[in-house]
Amino acid sequence: MVKVLIATGAVFALMTAASAADLPQRQPAPRYAEAPVVGKMPIGKSPIGKSPWGKGPVAARY
């Protein structure tokens, strides 16, 4: 009888601990970085072919 009582108590304690681990816990809200500003960069505003990027060195024809 004592063995059955101890086994029942152990099972009950194990079940209590397992069910307590599944309970939701309050956590702080995540802090996100501020979103970057969209649409403020001057992409495509300069005339085509007037920027120095992508142009090779100009060789003299003398």
PDB file of N, CA and C in Angstrom:
ATOM      1  N   MET A   1       0.825  -1.193   0.000  1.00  0.00           N
ATOM      2  CA  MET A   1       0.000   0.000   0.000  1.00  0.00           C
ATOM      3  C   MET A   1       0.872   1.261   0.000  1.00  0.00           C
ATOM      4  N   VAL A   2       1.946   1.240   0.759  1.00  0.00           N
ATOM      5  CA  VAL A   2       2.843   2.399   0.837  1.00  0.00           C
ATOM      6  C   VAL A   2       3.535   2.608  -0.508  1.00  0.00           C
ATOM      7  N   LYS A   3       3.913   1.511  -1.158  1.00  0.00           N
ATOM      8  CA  LYS A   3       4.572   1.628  -2.465  1.00  0.00           C
ATOM      9  C   LYS A   3       3.640   2.267  -3.494  1.00  0.00           C
ATOM     10  N   VAL A   4       2.384   1.886  -3.474  1.00  0.00           N
ATOM     11  CA  VAL A   4       1.403   2.448  -4.404  1.00  0.00           C
ATOM     12  C   VAL A   4       1.208   3.928  -4.111  1.00  0.00           C
ATOM     13  N   LEU A   5       1.179   4.308  -2.873  1.00  0.00           N
ATOM     14  CA  LEU A   5       1.008   5.704  -2.483  1.00  0.00           C
ATOM     15  C   LEU A   5       2.215   6.545  -2.907  1.00  0.00           C
ATOM     16  N   ILE A   6       3.417   6.014  -2.723  1.00  0.00           N
ATOM     17  CA  ILE A   6       4.635   6.731  -3.131  1.00  0.00           C
ATOM     18  C   ILE A   6       4.685   6.850  -4.654  1.00  0.00           C
ATOM     19  N   ALA A   7       4.343   5.776  -5.365  1.00  0.00           N
ATOM     20  CA  ALA A   7       4.353   5.812  -6.830  1.00  0.00           C
ATOM     21  C   ALA A   7       3.319   6.806  -7.351  1.00  0.00           C
ATOM     22  N   THR A   8       2.148   6.836  -6.729  1.00  0.00           N
ATOM     23  CA  THR A   8       1.108   7.785  -7.143  1.00  0.00           C
ATOM     24  C   THR A   8       1.553   9.223  -6.886  1.00  0.00           C
ATOM     25  N   GLY A   9       2.169   9.457  -5.762  1.00  0.00           N
ATOM     26  CA  GLY A   9       2.683  10.799  -5.458  1.00  0.00           C
ATOM     27  C   GLY A   9       3.773  11.224  -6.414  1.00  0.00           C
ATOM     28  N   ALA A  10       4.659  10.296  -6.774  1.00  0.00           N
ATOM     29  CA  ALA A  10       5.743  10.618  -7.704  1.00  0.00           C
ATOM     30  C   ALA A  10       5.190  10.939  -9.094  1.00  0.00           C
ATOM     31  N   VAL A  11       4.218  10.141  -9.534  1.00  0.00           N
ATOM     32  CA  VAL A  11       3.604  10.392 -10.847  1.00  0.00           C
ATOM     33  C   VAL A  11       2.868  11.732 -10.835  1.00  0.00           C
ATOM     34  N   PHE A  12       2.162  12.014  -9.755  1.00  0.00           N
ATOM     35  CA  PHE A  12       1.442  13.290  -9.646  1.00  0.00           C
ATOM     36  C   PHE A  12       2.417  14.471  -9.655  1.00  0.00           C
ATOM     37  N   ALA A  13       3.544  14.348  -8.959  1.00  0.00           N
ATOM     38  CA  ALA A  13       4.547  15.416  -8.947  1.00  0.00           C
ATOM     39  C   ALA A  13       5.157  15.609 -10.332  1.00  0.00           C
ATOM     40  N   LEU A  14       5.421  14.507 -11.022  1.00  0.00           N
ATOM     41  CA  LEU A  14       5.989  14.587 -12.365  1.00  0.00           C
ATOM     42  C   LEU A  14       5.009  15.242 -13.341  1.00  0.00           C
ATOM     43  N   MET A  15       3.752  14.865 -13.238  1.00  0.00           N
ATOM     44  CA  MET A  15       2.731  15.456 -14.111  1.00  0.00           C
ATOM     45  C   MET A  15       2.545  16.944 -13.805  1.00  0.00           C
ATOM     46  N   THR A  16       2.601  17.311 -12.543  1.00  0.00           N
ATOM     47  CA  THR A  16       2.463  18.724 -12.168  1.00  0.00           C
ATOM     48  C   THR A  16       3.614  19.543 -12.732  1.00  0.00           C
ATOM     49  N   ALA A  17       4.836  19.043 -12.612  1.00  0.00           N
ATOM     50  CA  ALA A  17       6.002  19.759 -13.133  1.00  0.00           C
ATOM     51  C   ALA A  17       5.949  19.859 -14.658  1.00  0.00           C
ATOM     52  N   ALA A  18       5.502  18.793 -15.321  1.00  0.00           N
ATOM     53  CA  ALA A  18       5.445  18.803 -16.786  1.00  0.00           C
ATOM     54  C   ALA A  18       4.369  19.759 -17.289  1.00  0.00           C
ATOM     55  N   SER A  19       3.237  19.808 -16.586  1.00  0.00           N
ATOM     56  CA  SER A  19       2.180  20.718 -17.034  1.00  0.00           C
ATOM     57  C   SER A  19       2.528  22.161 -16.715  1.00  0.00           C
ATOM     58  N   ALA A  20       3.286  22.405 -15.648  1.00  0.00           N
ATOM     59  CA  ALA A  20       3.685  23.777 -15.322  1.00  0.00           C
ATOM     60  C   ALA A  20       4.689  24.303 -16.344  1.00  0.00           C
ATOM     61  N   ALA A  21       5.460  23.417 -16.946  1.00  0.00           N
ATOM     62  CA  ALA A  21       6.439  23.848 -17.946  1.00  0.00           C
ATOM     63  C   ALA A  21       5.748  24.289 -19.233  1.00  0.00           C
ATOM     64  N   ASP A  22       4.527  23.829 -19.469  1.00  0.00           N
ATOM     65  CA  ASP A  22       3.816  24.179 -20.692  1.00  0.00           C
ATOM     66  C   ASP A  22       2.994  25.451 -20.565  1.00  0.00           C
ATOM     67  N   LEU A  23       2.900  26.022 -19.382  1.00  0.00           N
ATOM     68  CA  LEU A  23       2.096  27.226 -19.196  1.00  0.00           C
ATOM     69  C   LEU A  23       2.770  28.416 -19.863  1.00  0.00           C
ATOM     70  N   PRO A  24       2.001  29.304 -20.474  1.00  0.00           N
ATOM     71  CA  PRO A  24       2.617  30.477 -21.099  1.00  0.00           C
ATOM     72  C   PRO A  24       3.156  31.429 -20.042  1.00  0.00           C
ATOM     73  N   GLN A  25       4.268  32.055 -20.360  1.00  0.00           N
ATOM     74  CA  GLN A  25       4.879  33.022 -19.448  1.00  0.00           C
ATOM     75  C   GLN A  25       4.901  34.380 -20.123  1.00  0.00           C
ATOM     76  N   ARG A  26       4.707  35.410 -19.340  1.00  0.00           N
ATOM     77  CA  ARG A  26       4.729  36.768 -19.868  1.00  0.00           C
ATOM     78  C   ARG A  26       6.167  37.155 -20.199  1.00  0.00           C
ATOM     79  N   GLN A  27       6.361  37.645 -21.416  1.00  0.00           N
ATOM     80  CA  GLN A  27       7.688  38.066 -21.856  1.00  0.00           C
ATOM     81  C   GLN A  27       7.603  39.501 -22.350  1.00  0.00           C
ATOM     82  N   PRO A  28       8.695  40.242 -22.266  1.00  0.00           N
ATOM     83  CA  PRO A  28       8.667  41.627 -22.734  1.00  0.00           C
ATOM     84  C   PRO A  28       8.457  41.694 -24.249  1.00  0.00           C
ATOM     85  N   ALA A  29       7.832  42.760 -24.677  1.00  0.00           N
ATOM     86  CA  ALA A  29       7.575  42.940 -26.106  1.00  0.00           C
ATOM     87  C   ALA A  29       8.892  43.169 -26.831  1.00  0.00           C
ATOM     88  N   PRO A  30       9.040  42.617 -28.042  1.00  0.00           N
ATOM     89  CA  PRO A  30      10.291  42.809 -28.775  1.00  0.00           C
ATOM     90  C   PRO A  30      10.429  44.256 -29.239  1.00  0.00           C
ATOM     91  N   ARG A  31      11.667  44.720 -29.249  1.00  0.00           N
ATOM     92  CA  ARG A  31      11.947  46.087 -29.714  1.00  0.00           C
ATOM     93  C   ARG A  31      12.569  45.991 -31.094  1.00  0.00           C
ATOM     94  N   TYR A  32      11.888  46.557 -32.061  1.00  0.00           N
ATOM     95  CA  TYR A  32      12.358  46.517 -33.433  1.00  0.00           C
ATOM     96  C   TYR A  32      13.085  47.813 -33.768  1.00  0.00           C
ATOM     97  N   ALA A  33      14.035  47.726 -34.683  1.00  0.00           N
ATOM     98  CA  ALA A  33      14.734  48.922 -35.147  1.00  0.00           C
ATOM     99  C   ALA A  33      13.771  49.765 -35.986  1.00  0.00           C
ATOM    100  N   GLU A  34      14.035  51.045 -35.989  1.00  0.00           N
ATOM    101  CA  GLU A  34      13.172  51.940 -36.756  1.00  0.00           C
ATOM    102  C   GLU A  34      13.323  51.645 -38.243  1.00  0.00           C
ATOM    103  N   ALA A  35      12.219  51.632 -38.933  1.00  0.00           N
ATOM    104  CA  ALA A  35      12.222  51.295 -40.355  1.00  0.00           C
ATOM    105  C   ALA A  35      12.929  52.396 -41.146  1.00  0.00           C
ATOM    106  N   PRO A  36      13.725  52.019 -42.134  1.00  0.00           N
ATOM    107  CA  PRO A  36      14.400  53.047 -42.935  1.00  0.00           C
ATOM    108  C   PRO A  36      13.404  53.815 -43.799  1.00  0.00           C
ATOM    109  N   VAL A  37      13.772  55.034 -44.119  1.00  0.00           N
ATOM    110  CA  VAL A  37      12.917  55.874 -44.949  1.00  0.00           C
ATOM    111  C   VAL A  37      13.020  55.371 -46.387  1.00  0.00           C
ATOM    112  N   VAL A  38      11.895  55.166 -47.014  1.00  0.00           N
ATOM    113  CA  VAL A  38      11.867  54.616 -48.367  1.00  0.00           C
ATOM    114  C   VAL A  38      11.502  55.726 -49.352  1.00  0.00           C
ATOM    115  N   GLY A  39      12.205  55.781 -50.462  1.00  0.00           N
ATOM    116  CA  GLY A  39      11.854  56.715 -51.521  1.00  0.00           C
ATOM    117  C   GLY A  39      12.537  58.057 -51.439  1.00  0.00           C
ATOM    118  N   LYS A  40      13.580  58.206 -50.638  1.00  0.00           N
ATOM    119  CA  LYS A  40      14.243  59.504 -50.505  1.00  0.00           C
ATOM    120  C   LYS A  40      15.607  59.546 -51.181  1.00  0.00           C
ATOM    121  N   MET A  41      16.093  58.432 -51.697  1.00  0.00           N
ATOM    122  CA  MET A  41      17.404  58.446 -52.348  1.00  0.00           C
ATOM    123  C   MET A  41      17.243  58.893 -53.803  1.00  0.00           C
ATOM    124  N   PRO A  42      18.189  59.666 -54.297  1.00  0.00           N
ATOM    125  CA  PRO A  42      18.067  60.190 -55.671  1.00  0.00           C
ATOM    126  C   PRO A  42      18.487  59.189 -56.731  1.00  0.00           C
ATOM    127  N   ILE A  43      17.916  57.996 -56.702  1.00  0.00           N
ATOM    128  CA  ILE A  43      18.279  56.981 -57.686  1.00  0.00           C
ATOM    129  C   ILE A  43      17.545  57.276 -58.995  1.00  0.00           C
ATOM    130  N   GLY A  44      18.306  57.366 -60.073  1.00  0.00           N
ATOM    131  CA  GLY A  44      17.721  57.613 -61.386  1.00  0.00           C
ATOM    132  C   GLY A  44      17.392  59.067 -61.646  1.00  0.00           C
ATOM    133  N   LYS A  45      17.871  59.997 -60.816  1.00  0.00           N
ATOM    134  CA  LYS A  45      17.539  61.412 -61.013  1.00  0.00           C
ATOM    135  C   LYS A  45      18.561  62.120 -61.905  1.00  0.00           C
ATOM    136  N   SER A  46      19.781  61.584 -62.000  1.00  0.00           N
ATOM    137  CA  SER A  46      20.790  62.259 -62.815  1.00  0.00           C
ATOM    138  C   SER A  46      20.617  61.853 -64.281  1.00  0.00           C
ATOM    139  N   PRO A  47      21.075  62.693 -65.201  1.00  0.00           N
ATOM    140  CA  PRO A  47      20.974  62.344 -66.626  1.00  0.00           C
ATOM    141  C   PRO A  47      21.812  61.099 -66.946  1.00  0.00           C
ATOM    142  N   ILE A  48      21.368  60.340 -67.903  1.00  0.00           N
ATOM    143  CA  ILE A  48      22.055  59.100 -68.260  1.00  0.00           C
ATOM    144  C   ILE A  48      23.372  59.436 -68.947  1.00  0.00           C
ATOM    145  N   GLY A  49      24.466  58.815 -68.497  1.00  0.00           N
ATOM    146  CA  GLY A  49      25.774  59.007 -69.110  1.00  0.00           C
ATOM    147  C   GLY A  49      26.554  60.160 -68.541  1.00  0.00           C
ATOM    148  N   LYS A  50      26.042  60.894 -67.577  1.00  0.00           N
ATOM    149  CA  LYS A  50      26.744  62.046 -67.027  1.00  0.00           C
ATOM    150  C   LYS A  50      27.496  61.715 -65.742  1.00  0.00           C
ATOM    151  N   SER A  51      27.313  60.546 -65.203  1.00  0.00           N
ATOM    152  CA  SER A  51      27.996  60.196 -63.964  1.00  0.00           C
ATOM    153  C   SER A  51      29.322  59.511 -64.279  1.00  0.00           C
ATOM    154  N   PRO A  52      30.313  59.615 -63.399  1.00  0.00           N
ATOM    155  CA  PRO A  52      31.626  59.030 -63.691  1.00  0.00           C
ATOM    156  C   PRO A  52      31.693  57.527 -63.475  1.00  0.00           C
ATOM    157  N   TRP A  53      30.660  56.880 -62.976  1.00  0.00           N
ATOM    158  CA  TRP A  53      30.719  55.448 -62.689  1.00  0.00           C
ATOM    159  C   TRP A  53      30.587  54.646 -63.976  1.00  0.00           C
ATOM    160  N   GLY A  54      31.438  53.665 -64.109  1.00  0.00           N
ATOM    161  CA  GLY A  54      31.364  52.762 -65.250  1.00  0.00           C
ATOM    162  C   GLY A  54      32.086  53.251 -66.482  1.00  0.00           C
ATOM    163  N   LYS A  55      32.717  54.416 -66.405  1.00  0.00           N
ATOM    164  CA  LYS A  55      33.431  54.921 -67.570  1.00  0.00           C
ATOM    165  C   LYS A  55      34.911  54.559 -67.438  1.00  0.00           C
ATOM    166  N   GLY A  56      35.493  54.134 -68.501  1.00  0.00           N
ATOM    167  CA  GLY A  56      36.916  53.798 -68.503  1.00  0.00           C
ATOM    168  C   GLY A  56      37.763  55.052 -68.639  1.00  0.00           C
ATOM    169  N   PRO A  57      39.070  54.901 -68.521  1.00  0.00           N
ATOM    170  CA  PRO A  57      39.974  56.067 -68.685  1.00  0.00           C
ATOM    171  C   PRO A  57      39.968  56.572 -70.127  1.00  0.00           C
ATOM    172  N   VAL A  58      40.014  57.868 -70.260  1.00  0.00           N
ATOM    173  CA  VAL A  58      39.995  58.482 -71.589  1.00  0.00           C
ATOM    174  C   VAL A  58      41.447  58.550 -72.090  1.00  0.00           C
ATOM    175  N   ALA A  59      41.729  57.918 -73.210  1.00  0.00           N
ATOM    176  CA  ALA A  59      43.080  57.923 -73.781  1.00  0.00           C
ATOM    177  C   ALA A  59      43.161  59.017 -74.840  1.00  0.00           C
ATOM    178  N   ALA A  60      44.279  59.715 -74.835  1.00  0.00           N
ATOM    179  CA  ALA A  60      44.487  60.787 -75.816  1.00  0.00           C
ATOM    180  C   ALA A  60      44.728  60.145 -77.195  1.00  0.00           C
ATOM    181  N   ARG A  61      44.236  60.798 -78.247  1.00  0.00           N
ATOM    182  CA  ARG A  61      44.377  60.260 -79.605  1.00  0.00           C
ATOM    183  C   ARG A  61      45.457  60.975 -80.381  1.00  0.00           C
ATOM    184  N   TYR A  62      46.476  61.423 -79.753  1.00  0.00           N
ATOM    185  CA  TYR A  62      47.540  62.155 -80.449  1.00  0.00           C
ATOM    186  C   TYR A  62      48.616  61.242 -80.927  1.00  0.00           C
TER     187      TYR A  62
END
